[in-house]
Amino acid sequence: MAILLNNQEQEHAITPKDAVDALESGLRQLARGDATRRPRIDNFCPTSRPDEFFCFSSMEGVVRDPGYYALRIKPDVISWPVVNGVRRRETYNTQPGLYGGLVFLFRVDNGELLAILNDGFVQHGQPEERARIPAGPTPTNRHPHARYVDCIDWETGVRYVRARVDEVTALASSSFGAVVGEGAASAGIQGLQFATVAGRIYERAVEQGLGTLFPAELFLQDIPT
């Protein structure tokens, strides 16, 4: 049986610590090659209205442990109206105020569909939680608690080094070998985040008996594709 989980059920299923632990595990697996992801792709098509476009967005991610694959889709109608002289991006599905984002969660070992989740909570959390994150058009609003740090007035192009090498650190570092190349960028990893957090939500929902069960056989067929 698969599970359909709405946003309210997801909120009851998982704690912030659960989400952070799942994300950390997924990112560690990505670093060692046991996870992967596909960045978001948007496909646009004109609608019958000249100021609106249909946009189908998708992203994917998979983690080897505990073995979940997530596909997140977001079918939106998008417009860019000008409000008070500022161009805004507005989206909806079916009618304004409704949204159609979904996450499909699969088991890696056999391809079984495990869950279908609304993507609102697993993506954003609650509005009051997001409100605590500083944001705004100016640096003052984005970083209201920022403090001046002395080193920011250092000149570029000047190397600041210690007068001597820390002997213990130098000896320990040599055991890891030489690191060649640049570090990996973090852009485009949202698909991995859906796989890890949606997987943890699914586990907790099963433990707590949350969600609406439906036969996974509804999505199976006997014709090879």
C-alpha atoms as a PDB file:
ATOM      1  CA  MET A   1       0.000   0.000   0.000  1.00  0.00           C
ATOM      2  CA  ALA A   2       1.125   3.533  -0.753  1.00  0.00           C
ATOM      3  CA  ILE A   3       0.329   6.617   1.318  1.00  0.00           C
ATOM      4  CA  LEU A   4      -1.090  10.000   0.346  1.00  0.00           C
ATOM      5  CA  LEU A   5       0.161  12.659   2.787  1.00  0.00           C
ATOM      6  CA  ASN A   6      -1.155  16.216   2.907  1.00  0.00           C
ATOM      7  CA  ASN A   7       0.755  19.125   4.428  1.00  0.00           C
ATOM      8  CA  GLN A   8      -0.955  18.917   7.821  1.00  0.00           C
ATOM      9  CA  GLU A   9      -0.152  15.220   8.197  1.00  0.00           C
ATOM     10  CA  GLN A  10       3.469  15.866   7.242  1.00  0.00           C
ATOM     11  CA  GLU A  11       3.739  18.552   9.918  1.00  0.00           C
ATOM     12  CA  HIS A  12       2.599  16.053  12.557  1.00  0.00           C
ATOM     13  CA  ALA A  13       4.932  13.358  11.241  1.00  0.00           C
ATOM     14  CA  ILE A  14       8.331  15.056  11.414  1.00  0.00           C
ATOM     15  CA  THR A  15      10.299  17.296  13.763  1.00  0.00           C
ATOM     16  CA  PRO A  16      12.897  19.915  12.771  1.00  0.00           C
ATOM     17  CA  LYS A  17      15.627  17.662  14.189  1.00  0.00           C
ATOM     18  CA  ASP A  18      14.397  14.776  12.033  1.00  0.00           C
ATOM     19  CA  ALA A  19      14.563  16.975   8.944  1.00  0.00           C
ATOM     20  CA  VAL A  20      18.070  18.250   9.710  1.00  0.00           C
ATOM     21  CA  ASP A  21      19.361  14.747  10.458  1.00  0.00           C
ATOM     22  CA  ALA A  22      17.926  13.439   7.188  1.00  0.00           C
ATOM     23  CA  LEU A  23      19.426  16.315   5.205  1.00  0.00           C
ATOM     24  CA  GLU A  24      22.835  15.848   6.804  1.00  0.00           C
ATOM     25  CA  SER A  25      22.816  12.150   5.961  1.00  0.00           C
ATOM     26  CA  GLY A  26      21.864  12.888   2.361  1.00  0.00           C
ATOM     27  CA  LEU A  27      24.542  15.527   1.892  1.00  0.00           C
ATOM     28  CA  ARG A  28      27.208  13.236   3.339  1.00  0.00           C
ATOM     29  CA  GLN A  29      26.128  10.527   0.901  1.00  0.00           C
ATOM     30  CA  LEU A  30      26.264  13.010  -1.974  1.00  0.00           C
ATOM     31  CA  ALA A  31      29.830  13.923  -1.019  1.00  0.00           C
ATOM     32  CA  ARG A  32      30.992  10.310  -1.126  1.00  0.00           C
ATOM     33  CA  GLY A  33      29.056   9.336  -4.256  1.00  0.00           C
ATOM     34  CA  ASP A  34      26.164   7.439  -2.646  1.00  0.00           C
ATOM     35  CA  ALA A  35      23.498   9.959  -3.686  1.00  0.00           C
ATOM     36  CA  THR A  36      22.708  12.049  -6.721  1.00  0.00           C
ATOM     37  CA  ARG A  37      20.200  14.618  -7.958  1.00  0.00           C
ATOM     38  CA  ARG A  38      18.908  16.356 -11.053  1.00  0.00           C
ATOM     39  CA  PRO A  39      18.573  20.142 -10.854  1.00  0.00           C
ATOM     40  CA  ARG A  40      15.245  21.806 -11.520  1.00  0.00           C
ATOM     41  CA  ILE A  41      14.063  22.042 -15.128  1.00  0.00           C
ATOM     42  CA  ASP A  42      11.203  24.345 -16.202  1.00  0.00           C
ATOM     43  CA  ASN A  43       9.212  23.757 -19.403  1.00  0.00           C
ATOM     44  CA  PHE A  44       6.934  26.591 -20.564  1.00  0.00           C
ATOM     45  CA  CYS A  45       3.929  26.568 -22.881  1.00  0.00           C
ATOM     46  CA  PRO A  46       1.615  29.490 -23.771  1.00  0.00           C
ATOM     47  CA  THR A  47      -1.976  29.297 -22.516  1.00  0.00           C
ATOM     48  CA  SER A  48      -5.048  30.702 -24.235  1.00  0.00           C
ATOM     49  CA  ARG A  49      -4.443  33.938 -22.297  1.00  0.00           C
ATOM     50  CA  PRO A  50      -1.627  36.159 -23.612  1.00  0.00           C
ATOM     51  CA  ASP A  51      -0.367  37.157 -20.150  1.00  0.00           C
ATOM     52  CA  GLU A  52      -0.139  33.637 -18.672  1.00  0.00           C
ATOM     53  CA  PHE A  53       2.057  30.608 -19.343  1.00  0.00           C
ATOM     54  CA  PHE A  54       1.850  27.011 -18.203  1.00  0.00           C
ATOM     55  CA  CYS A  55       5.090  25.908 -16.539  1.00  0.00           C
ATOM     56  CA  PHE A  56       5.910  22.325 -15.586  1.00  0.00           C
ATOM     57  CA  SER A  57       8.838  22.182 -13.151  1.00  0.00           C
ATOM     58  CA  SER A  58      10.535  18.987 -12.000  1.00  0.00           C
ATOM     59  CA  MET A  59      13.550  17.859 -10.013  1.00  0.00           C
ATOM     60  CA  GLU A  60      14.777  14.521  -8.692  1.00  0.00           C
ATOM     61  CA  GLY A  61      17.021  13.059  -6.041  1.00  0.00           C
ATOM     62  CA  VAL A  62      18.068   9.656  -4.735  1.00  0.00           C
ATOM     63  CA  VAL A  63      19.884   8.435  -1.623  1.00  0.00           C
ATOM     64  CA  ARG A  64      21.371   4.961  -1.351  1.00  0.00           C
ATOM     65  CA  ASP A  65      20.710   4.752   2.393  1.00  0.00           C
ATOM     66  CA  PRO A  66      17.899   4.163   3.269  1.00  0.00           C
ATOM     67  CA  GLY A  67      17.162   3.828  -0.439  1.00  0.00           C
ATOM     68  CA  TYR A  68      14.638   6.464  -1.534  1.00  0.00           C
ATOM     69  CA  TYR A  69      14.090   8.154  -4.877  1.00  0.00           C
ATOM     70  CA  ALA A  70      11.983  11.317  -5.032  1.00  0.00           C
ATOM     71  CA  LEU A  71      10.474  13.090  -8.025  1.00  0.00           C
ATOM     72  CA  ARG A  72       9.049  16.523  -7.297  1.00  0.00           C
ATOM     73  CA  ILE A  73       6.715  18.051  -9.903  1.00  0.00           C
ATOM     74  CA  LYS A  74       5.111  21.489  -9.934  1.00  0.00           C
ATOM     75  CA  PRO A  75       2.489  22.260 -12.625  1.00  0.00           C
ATOM     76  CA  ASP A  76       1.840  26.007 -12.483  1.00  0.00           C
ATOM     77  CA  VAL A  77       0.137  28.724 -14.447  1.00  0.00           C
ATOM     78  CA  ILE A  78       2.509  31.695 -14.254  1.00  0.00           C
ATOM     79  CA  SER A  79       2.125  35.399 -14.925  1.00  0.00           C
ATOM     80  CA  TRP A  80       4.259  38.457 -14.240  1.00  0.00           C
ATOM     81  CA  PRO A  81       1.903  41.347 -13.362  1.00  0.00           C
ATOM     82  CA  VAL A  82       3.163  44.815 -12.433  1.00  0.00           C
ATOM     83  CA  VAL A  83       1.959  45.810  -8.954  1.00  0.00           C
ATOM     84  CA  ASN A  84       2.730  49.325  -7.695  1.00  0.00           C
ATOM     85  CA  GLY A  85       5.381  49.696 -10.373  1.00  0.00           C
ATOM     86  CA  VAL A  86       7.115  46.426  -9.439  1.00  0.00           C
ATOM     87  CA  ARG A  87       6.920  43.288 -11.601  1.00  0.00           C
ATOM     88  CA  ARG A  88       5.878  40.232  -9.601  1.00  0.00           C
ATOM     89  CA  ARG A  89       5.757  36.519 -10.338  1.00  0.00           C
ATOM     90  CA  GLU A  90       2.414  34.892  -9.518  1.00  0.00           C
ATOM     91  CA  THR A  91       1.534  31.211  -9.802  1.00  0.00           C
ATOM     92  CA  TYR A  92      -1.504  29.004  -9.310  1.00  0.00           C
ATOM     93  CA  ASN A  93      -2.955  25.628 -10.260  1.00  0.00           C
ATOM     94  CA  THR A  94      -6.594  25.311 -11.383  1.00  0.00           C
ATOM     95  CA  GLN A  95      -7.515  28.641  -9.773  1.00  0.00           C
ATOM     96  CA  PRO A  96      -5.720  31.448  -7.878  1.00  0.00           C
ATOM     97  CA  GLY A  97      -4.899  30.443  -4.308  1.00  0.00           C
ATOM     98  CA  LEU A  98      -4.432  26.747  -5.111  1.00  0.00           C
ATOM     99  CA  TYR A  99      -1.167  24.967  -5.952  1.00  0.00           C
ATOM    100  CA  GLY A 100      -0.451  21.536  -7.416  1.00  0.00           C
ATOM    101  CA  GLY A 101       3.088  20.620  -6.365  1.00  0.00           C
ATOM    102  CA  LEU A 102       3.598  16.929  -5.539  1.00  0.00           C
ATOM    103  CA  VAL A 103       6.454  14.669  -4.436  1.00  0.00           C
ATOM    104  CA  PHE A 104       6.467  11.019  -5.561  1.00  0.00           C
ATOM    105  CA  LEU A 105       8.579   8.789  -3.315  1.00  0.00           C
ATOM    106  CA  PHE A 106       9.858   5.402  -4.549  1.00  0.00           C
ATOM    107  CA  ARG A 107      11.780   2.531  -2.972  1.00  0.00           C
ATOM    108  CA  VAL A 108      15.135   2.024  -4.684  1.00  0.00           C
ATOM    109  CA  ASP A 109      15.304  -1.747  -4.104  1.00  0.00           C
ATOM    110  CA  ASN A 110      12.213  -2.603  -6.184  1.00  0.00           C
ATOM    111  CA  GLY A 111      10.885   0.645  -7.677  1.00  0.00           C
ATOM    112  CA  GLU A 112       7.734   0.530  -5.524  1.00  0.00           C
ATOM    113  CA  LEU A 113       5.715   3.729  -5.161  1.00  0.00           C
ATOM    114  CA  LEU A 114       5.698   4.449  -1.421  1.00  0.00           C
ATOM    115  CA  ALA A 115       4.037   7.828  -1.062  1.00  0.00           C
ATOM    116  CA  ILE A 116       2.632  10.891  -2.770  1.00  0.00           C
ATOM    117  CA  LEU A 117       3.072  14.101  -0.783  1.00  0.00           C
ATOM    118  CA  ASN A 118       1.896  17.671  -1.222  1.00  0.00           C
ATOM    119  CA  ASP A 119       5.116  19.642  -1.613  1.00  0.00           C
ATOM    120  CA  GLY A 120       4.252  22.730   0.453  1.00  0.00           C
ATOM    121  CA  PHE A 121       5.375  21.657   3.921  1.00  0.00           C
ATOM    122  CA  VAL A 122       8.300  19.469   2.846  1.00  0.00           C
ATOM    123  CA  GLN A 123       9.605  22.406   0.803  1.00  0.00           C
ATOM    124  CA  HIS A 124       8.934  25.455   2.956  1.00  0.00           C
ATOM    125  CA  GLY A 125       7.840  24.538   6.468  1.00  0.00           C
ATOM    126  CA  GLN A 126       5.256  26.785   8.093  1.00  0.00           C
ATOM    127  CA  PRO A 127       4.797  30.515   7.244  1.00  0.00           C
ATOM    128  CA  GLU A 128       5.605  31.582  10.811  1.00  0.00           C
ATOM    129  CA  GLU A 129       8.872  29.630  10.639  1.00  0.00           C
ATOM    130  CA  ARG A 130       9.867  31.297   7.361  1.00  0.00           C
ATOM    131  CA  ALA A 131       8.988  34.700   8.822  1.00  0.00           C
ATOM    132  CA  ARG A 132      11.884  34.341  11.269  1.00  0.00           C
ATOM    133  CA  ILE A 133      14.378  34.216   8.383  1.00  0.00           C
ATOM    134  CA  PRO A 134      15.674  37.759   7.636  1.00  0.00           C
ATOM    135  CA  ALA A 135      14.673  38.968   4.183  1.00  0.00           C
ATOM    136  CA  GLY A 136      14.253  42.256   2.381  1.00  0.00           C
ATOM    137  CA  PRO A 137      15.353  44.423  -0.534  1.00  0.00           C
ATOM    138  CA  THR A 138      18.171  46.107   1.414  1.00  0.00           C
ATOM    139  CA  PRO A 139      21.160  44.630   3.311  1.00  0.00           C
ATOM    140  CA  THR A 140      19.901  46.220   6.543  1.00  0.00           C
ATOM    141  CA  ASN A 141      16.650  44.281   6.370  1.00  0.00           C
ATOM    142  CA  ARG A 142      18.281  41.054   5.209  1.00  0.00           C
ATOM    143  CA  HIS A 143      20.860  41.089   7.995  1.00  0.00           C
ATOM    144  CA  PRO A 144      19.265  42.961  10.934  1.00  0.00           C
ATOM    145  CA  HIS A 145      21.599  41.407  13.502  1.00  0.00           C
ATOM    146  CA  ALA A 146      24.836  41.627  11.511  1.00  0.00           C
ATOM    147  CA  ARG A 147      27.873  43.043  13.315  1.00  0.00           C
ATOM    148  CA  TYR A 148      30.973  44.712  11.942  1.00  0.00           C
ATOM    149  CA  VAL A 149      34.007  42.426  11.681  1.00  0.00           C
ATOM    150  CA  ASP A 150      37.493  43.947  11.667  1.00  0.00           C
ATOM    151  CA  CYS A 151      38.838  41.794   8.846  1.00  0.00           C
ATOM    152  CA  ILE A 152      36.370  43.104   6.236  1.00  0.00           C
ATOM    153  CA  ASP A 153      38.602  46.123   5.589  1.00  0.00           C
ATOM    154  CA  TRP A 154      41.537  43.935   4.541  1.00  0.00           C
ATOM    155  CA  GLU A 155      42.784  44.671   1.044  1.00  0.00           C
ATOM    156  CA  THR A 156      42.301  42.149  -1.743  1.00  0.00           C
ATOM    157  CA  GLY A 157      45.383  40.556  -3.254  1.00  0.00           C
ATOM    158  CA  VAL A 158      47.304  40.615   0.032  1.00  0.00           C
ATOM    159  CA  ARG A 159      48.095  37.287   1.661  1.00  0.00           C
ATOM    160  CA  TYR A 160      47.791  37.089   5.406  1.00  0.00           C
ATOM    161  CA  VAL A 161      49.635  34.081   6.810  1.00  0.00           C
ATOM    162  CA  ARG A 162      50.867  32.898  10.156  1.00  0.00           C
ATOM    163  CA  ALA A 163      54.518  33.414  10.958  1.00  0.00           C
ATOM    164  CA  ARG A 164      54.964  29.695  11.669  1.00  0.00           C
ATOM    165  CA  VAL A 165      53.280  26.416  10.794  1.00  0.00           C
ATOM    166  CA  ASP A 166      51.248  24.660  13.449  1.00  0.00           C
ATOM    167  CA  GLU A 167      53.275  21.458  13.724  1.00  0.00           C
ATOM    168  CA  VAL A 168      50.511  19.189  15.041  1.00  0.00           C
ATOM    169  CA  THR A 169      47.956  20.320  12.451  1.00  0.00           C
ATOM    170  CA  ALA A 170      50.453  20.009   9.597  1.00  0.00           C
ATOM    171  CA  LEU A 171      51.365  16.457  10.554  1.00  0.00           C
ATOM    172  CA  ALA A 172      47.732  15.413  10.879  1.00  0.00           C
ATOM    173  CA  SER A 173      46.685  17.023   7.609  1.00  0.00           C
ATOM    174  CA  SER A 174      49.299  15.144   5.594  1.00  0.00           C
ATOM    175  CA  SER A 175      47.515  11.867   6.297  1.00  0.00           C
ATOM    176  CA  PHE A 176      44.560  12.968   4.131  1.00  0.00           C
ATOM    177  CA  GLY A 177      46.621  13.527   0.992  1.00  0.00           C
ATOM    178  CA  ALA A 178      46.473  16.510  -1.340  1.00  0.00           C
ATOM    179  CA  VAL A 179      43.133  18.007  -2.304  1.00  0.00           C
ATOM    180  CA  VAL A 180      43.163  19.070  -5.957  1.00  0.00           C
ATOM    181  CA  GLY A 181      40.445  21.171  -7.612  1.00  0.00           C
ATOM    182  CA  GLU A 182      37.621  23.358  -6.444  1.00  0.00           C
ATOM    183  CA  GLY A 183      34.958  22.389  -3.943  1.00  0.00           C
ATOM    184  CA  ALA A 184      31.525  21.324  -5.178  1.00  0.00           C
ATOM    185  CA  ALA A 185      28.842  23.981  -5.507  1.00  0.00           C
ATOM    186  CA  SER A 186      25.611  23.545  -3.559  1.00  0.00           C
ATOM    187  CA  ALA A 187      23.286  24.843  -6.295  1.00  0.00           C
ATOM    188  CA  GLY A 188      20.725  22.450  -7.746  1.00  0.00           C
ATOM    189  CA  ILE A 189      20.561  20.015  -4.822  1.00  0.00           C
ATOM    190  CA  GLN A 190      16.882  20.567  -3.986  1.00  0.00           C
ATOM    191  CA  GLY A 191      15.986  17.207  -5.512  1.00  0.00           C
ATOM    192  CA  LEU A 192      18.243  15.490  -2.990  1.00  0.00           C
ATOM    193  CA  GLN A 193      16.581  17.421  -0.184  1.00  0.00           C
ATOM    194  CA  PHE A 194      13.166  16.142  -1.267  1.00  0.00           C
ATOM    195  CA  ALA A 195      14.443  12.554  -1.294  1.00  0.00           C
ATOM    196  CA  THR A 196      15.901  12.767   2.205  1.00  0.00           C
ATOM    197  CA  VAL A 197      13.180  14.727   3.998  1.00  0.00           C
ATOM    198  CA  ALA A 198      10.237  13.124   2.183  1.00  0.00           C
ATOM    199  CA  GLY A 199      11.740   9.743   3.008  1.00  0.00           C
ATOM    200  CA  ARG A 200      11.932  10.603   6.696  1.00  0.00           C
ATOM    201  CA  ILE A 201       8.369  11.972   6.638  1.00  0.00           C
ATOM    202  CA  TYR A 202       7.198   8.701   5.088  1.00  0.00           C
ATOM    203  CA  GLU A 203       8.899   6.632   7.794  1.00  0.00           C
ATOM    204  CA  ARG A 204       7.399   8.685  10.617  1.00  0.00           C
ATOM    205  CA  ALA A 205       3.959   8.680   8.979  1.00  0.00           C
ATOM    206  CA  VAL A 206       3.994   4.874   8.799  1.00  0.00           C
ATOM    207  CA  GLU A 207       4.982   4.679  12.470  1.00  0.00           C
ATOM    208  CA  GLN A 208       2.163   7.050  13.484  1.00  0.00           C
ATOM    209  CA  GLY A 209      -0.519   5.703  11.158  1.00  0.00           C
ATOM    210  CA  LEU A 210      -0.890   8.989   9.274  1.00  0.00           C
ATOM    211  CA  GLY A 211      -2.073   9.546   5.722  1.00  0.00           C
ATOM    212  CA  THR A 212      -4.543   7.941   3.349  1.00  0.00           C
ATOM    213  CA  LEU A 213      -3.660   4.456   2.132  1.00  0.00           C
ATOM    214  CA  PHE A 214      -4.292   3.426  -1.465  1.00  0.00           C
ATOM    215  CA  PRO A 215      -3.271   0.343  -3.471  1.00  0.00           C
ATOM    216  CA  ALA A 216       0.069   0.860  -5.203  1.00  0.00           C
ATOM    217  CA  GLU A 217      -1.211  -1.612  -7.831  1.00  0.00           C
ATOM    218  CA  LEU A 218      -3.250   1.253  -9.281  1.00  0.00           C
ATOM    219  CA  PHE A 219       0.027   2.540 -10.738  1.00  0.00           C
ATOM    220  CA  LEU A 220       1.277  -0.819 -12.083  1.00  0.00           C
ATOM    221  CA  GLN A 221       0.698  -2.527 -15.434  1.00  0.00           C
ATOM    222  CA  ASP A 222       1.627  -5.786 -17.151  1.00  0.00           C
ATOM    223  CA  ILE A 223       2.750  -4.179 -20.429  1.00  0.00           C
ATOM    224  CA  PRO A 224       6.521  -3.534 -20.565  1.00  0.00           C
ATOM    225  CA  THR A 225       7.529   0.050 -21.281  1.00  0.00           C
END
